[in-house]
Amino acid sequence: MTTHSHNRWQALLSLACLVLLFTSQSHADSKDFGEFEVHWSVFPSTFLAPEIARENNLNRSRGIGIVNISIMRETEDGGLEPVSGQVEGKVMNDIQQARFLAFRRIQEGNAVYFIAEYQYSNAELMTFQITTRPTGARQDLPIRFTHTLFND
């Protein structure tokens, strides 16, 4: 990854973290699977600066949300380190219409993220069913969560 694209992703992910800290629109959580943890966040694509969205080929539009997944492994000293793997899943609206999520793997330095876009209607409760499998792991790590986004 070039220094320029690395800086763009750092800016994107820093912005996503700020979004998570300062808005009720976003959602961040994690699930512990023993050796591994799966972390996720959800936010409207309109929270991205236009240049960040454009540079990273992300659609910035009302009605498009971003889901971000990371897989972490517990280290011997009790910390967490990012690991690669596979992520797949779907999102369903409140009448159970399912749409498959096309996750893109992003790696910058040691950090690994899986990002997908999805469409939503204002105030629509969305249910995410996502399966992760860390590289070298013998079993899948499934997560399920719900979230509602609102058009700004």
Protein backbone atom coordinates (compact mmCIF):
# COMPACT_ATOMS: atom_id res chain seq x y z
CA MET A 1 0.00 0.00 0.00
CA THR A 2 1.41 3.39 -0.92
CA THR A 3 1.98 6.04 1.71
CA HIS A 4 -0.77 8.17 0.13
CA SER A 5 -3.37 5.38 0.21
CA HIS A 6 -2.22 4.37 3.71
CA ASN A 7 -2.85 7.94 4.88
CA ARG A 8 -6.28 7.93 3.23
CA TRP A 9 -7.29 4.76 5.07
CA GLN A 10 -5.94 6.12 8.32
CA ALA A 11 -8.07 9.22 7.78
CA LEU A 12 -11.11 7.10 6.91
CA LEU A 13 -10.74 4.89 9.95
CA SER A 14 -9.96 7.81 12.23
CA LEU A 15 -13.09 9.53 11.01
CA ALA A 16 -15.09 6.34 11.59
CA CYS A 17 -13.80 6.19 15.16
CA LEU A 18 -14.77 9.82 15.76
CA VAL A 19 -18.20 9.12 14.31
CA LEU A 20 -18.60 6.24 16.74
CA LEU A 21 -17.65 8.39 19.69
CA PHE A 22 -19.89 11.34 18.97
CA THR A 23 -23.12 10.12 17.48
CA SER A 24 -26.10 8.00 18.35
CA GLN A 25 -26.32 7.06 14.65
CA SER A 26 -23.33 4.76 14.89
CA HIS A 27 -23.01 1.41 16.54
CA ALA A 28 -19.85 -0.33 17.74
CA ASP A 29 -19.56 -3.55 19.65
CA SER A 30 -17.62 -6.79 19.92
CA LYS A 31 -18.10 -10.45 20.75
CA ASP A 32 -15.56 -12.57 22.61
CA PHE A 33 -14.86 -16.07 21.26
CA GLY A 34 -12.04 -16.97 23.68
CA GLU A 35 -8.82 -16.71 21.67
CA PHE A 36 -10.52 -14.34 19.19
CA GLU A 37 -12.76 -11.28 19.36
CA VAL A 38 -14.84 -9.91 16.50
CA HIS A 39 -15.38 -6.14 16.50
CA TRP A 40 -17.93 -4.29 14.37
CA SER A 41 -19.18 -0.81 13.71
CA VAL A 42 -22.01 0.60 11.60
CA PHE A 43 -22.49 4.20 10.41
CA PRO A 44 -24.12 6.17 7.58
CA SER A 45 -21.85 6.71 4.57
CA THR A 46 -22.71 10.43 4.70
CA PHE A 47 -20.49 10.65 7.80
CA LEU A 48 -17.48 10.19 5.52
CA ALA A 49 -15.87 13.30 4.08
CA PRO A 50 -16.60 13.43 0.32
CA GLU A 51 -12.90 13.21 -0.60
CA ILE A 52 -12.34 10.18 1.67
CA ALA A 53 -15.34 8.37 0.16
CA ARG A 54 -14.24 9.21 -3.40
CA GLU A 55 -10.59 8.22 -2.83
CA ASN A 56 -11.63 4.88 -1.33
CA ASN A 57 -14.34 4.05 -3.87
CA LEU A 58 -17.13 4.21 -1.30
CA ASN A 59 -20.59 5.50 -2.08
CA ARG A 60 -21.45 8.52 0.03
CA SER A 61 -25.20 8.82 -0.10
CA ARG A 62 -28.32 8.99 2.05
CA GLY A 63 -29.59 5.46 2.41
CA ILE A 64 -26.17 3.79 2.21
CA GLY A 65 -24.59 2.49 5.40
CA ILE A 66 -21.11 1.15 6.09
CA VAL A 67 -20.41 -1.94 8.20
CA ASN A 68 -16.82 -2.43 9.37
CA ILE A 69 -15.60 -5.76 10.82
CA SER A 70 -12.25 -6.61 12.40
CA ILE A 71 -10.98 -9.89 13.84
CA MET A 72 -8.64 -9.70 16.81
CA ARG A 73 -6.56 -12.41 18.54
CA GLU A 74 -5.58 -12.32 22.19
CA THR A 75 -1.83 -12.08 22.64
CA GLU A 76 0.21 -13.79 25.35
CA ASP A 77 0.40 -10.52 27.30
CA GLY A 78 -3.41 -10.14 27.26
CA GLY A 79 -3.53 -7.53 24.50
CA LEU A 80 -5.23 -7.84 21.13
CA GLU A 81 -3.69 -8.02 17.68
CA PRO A 82 -5.53 -7.87 14.34
CA VAL A 83 -5.64 -10.99 12.21
CA SER A 84 -6.71 -11.63 8.66
CA GLY A 85 -9.35 -14.09 7.57
CA GLN A 86 -12.61 -14.23 5.68
CA VAL A 87 -15.83 -12.33 6.32
CA GLU A 88 -19.18 -12.91 4.68
CA GLY A 89 -22.72 -12.13 5.62
CA LYS A 90 -26.05 -10.61 4.88
CA VAL A 91 -28.29 -7.87 6.15
CA MET A 92 -32.06 -8.19 6.46
CA ASN A 93 -34.69 -5.50 6.81
CA ASP A 94 -37.68 -5.71 9.13
CA ILE A 95 -39.69 -7.77 6.61
CA GLN A 96 -36.81 -10.26 6.23
CA GLN A 97 -35.67 -9.17 2.77
CA ALA A 98 -32.02 -10.27 2.69
CA ARG A 99 -29.14 -8.62 0.86
CA PHE A 100 -25.70 -10.17 0.76
CA LEU A 101 -22.81 -7.99 1.88
CA ALA A 102 -19.75 -7.67 -0.38
CA PHE A 103 -16.90 -7.23 2.10
CA ARG A 104 -13.61 -5.74 0.98
CA ARG A 105 -10.47 -6.61 2.91
CA ILE A 106 -8.36 -3.57 3.78
CA GLN A 107 -4.89 -3.94 5.26
CA GLU A 108 -2.77 -1.05 6.45
CA GLY A 109 0.35 -2.06 8.30
CA ASN A 110 -0.76 -4.65 10.86
CA ALA A 111 -4.40 -3.50 10.87
CA VAL A 112 -6.94 -5.54 8.89
CA TYR A 113 -10.53 -4.40 8.27
CA PHE A 114 -13.42 -5.79 6.28
CA ILE A 115 -15.79 -3.11 4.99
CA ALA A 116 -19.11 -3.45 3.16
CA GLU A 117 -21.79 -1.02 2.04
CA TYR A 118 -25.50 -1.70 2.34
CA GLN A 119 -28.73 0.11 1.52
CA TYR A 120 -31.27 1.08 4.15
CA SER A 121 -34.44 3.13 4.46
CA ASN A 122 -34.75 5.85 7.07
CA ALA A 123 -35.39 4.40 10.55
CA GLU A 124 -35.38 0.82 9.21
CA LEU A 125 -34.29 -1.85 11.69
CA MET A 126 -31.57 -3.91 10.01
CA THR A 127 -30.39 -7.32 11.21
CA PHE A 128 -26.84 -8.31 10.35
CA GLN A 129 -25.81 -11.97 10.20
CA ILE A 130 -22.07 -12.17 9.65
CA THR A 131 -19.65 -15.07 9.73
CA THR A 132 -15.94 -14.55 10.21
CA ARG A 133 -13.18 -17.11 10.02
CA PRO A 134 -9.72 -16.04 11.16
CA THR A 135 -6.84 -17.35 9.07
CA GLY A 136 -5.78 -20.69 10.54
CA ALA A 137 -8.88 -21.09 12.74
CA ARG A 138 -10.85 -24.34 12.69
CA GLN A 139 -14.29 -22.86 13.19
CA ASP A 140 -16.38 -19.91 12.10
CA LEU A 141 -17.12 -17.05 14.47
CA PRO A 142 -20.72 -15.94 13.84
CA ILE A 143 -22.13 -12.63 14.99
CA ARG A 144 -25.66 -11.29 14.78
CA PHE A 145 -26.73 -7.77 15.66
CA THR A 146 -29.34 -5.17 14.80
CA HIS A 147 -29.04 -1.48 14.10
CA THR A 148 -31.17 1.39 12.86
CA LEU A 149 -29.79 4.33 10.89
CA PHE A 150 -31.54 7.59 10.15
CA ASN A 151 -31.09 9.85 7.13
CA ASP A 152 -29.39 13.05 8.16
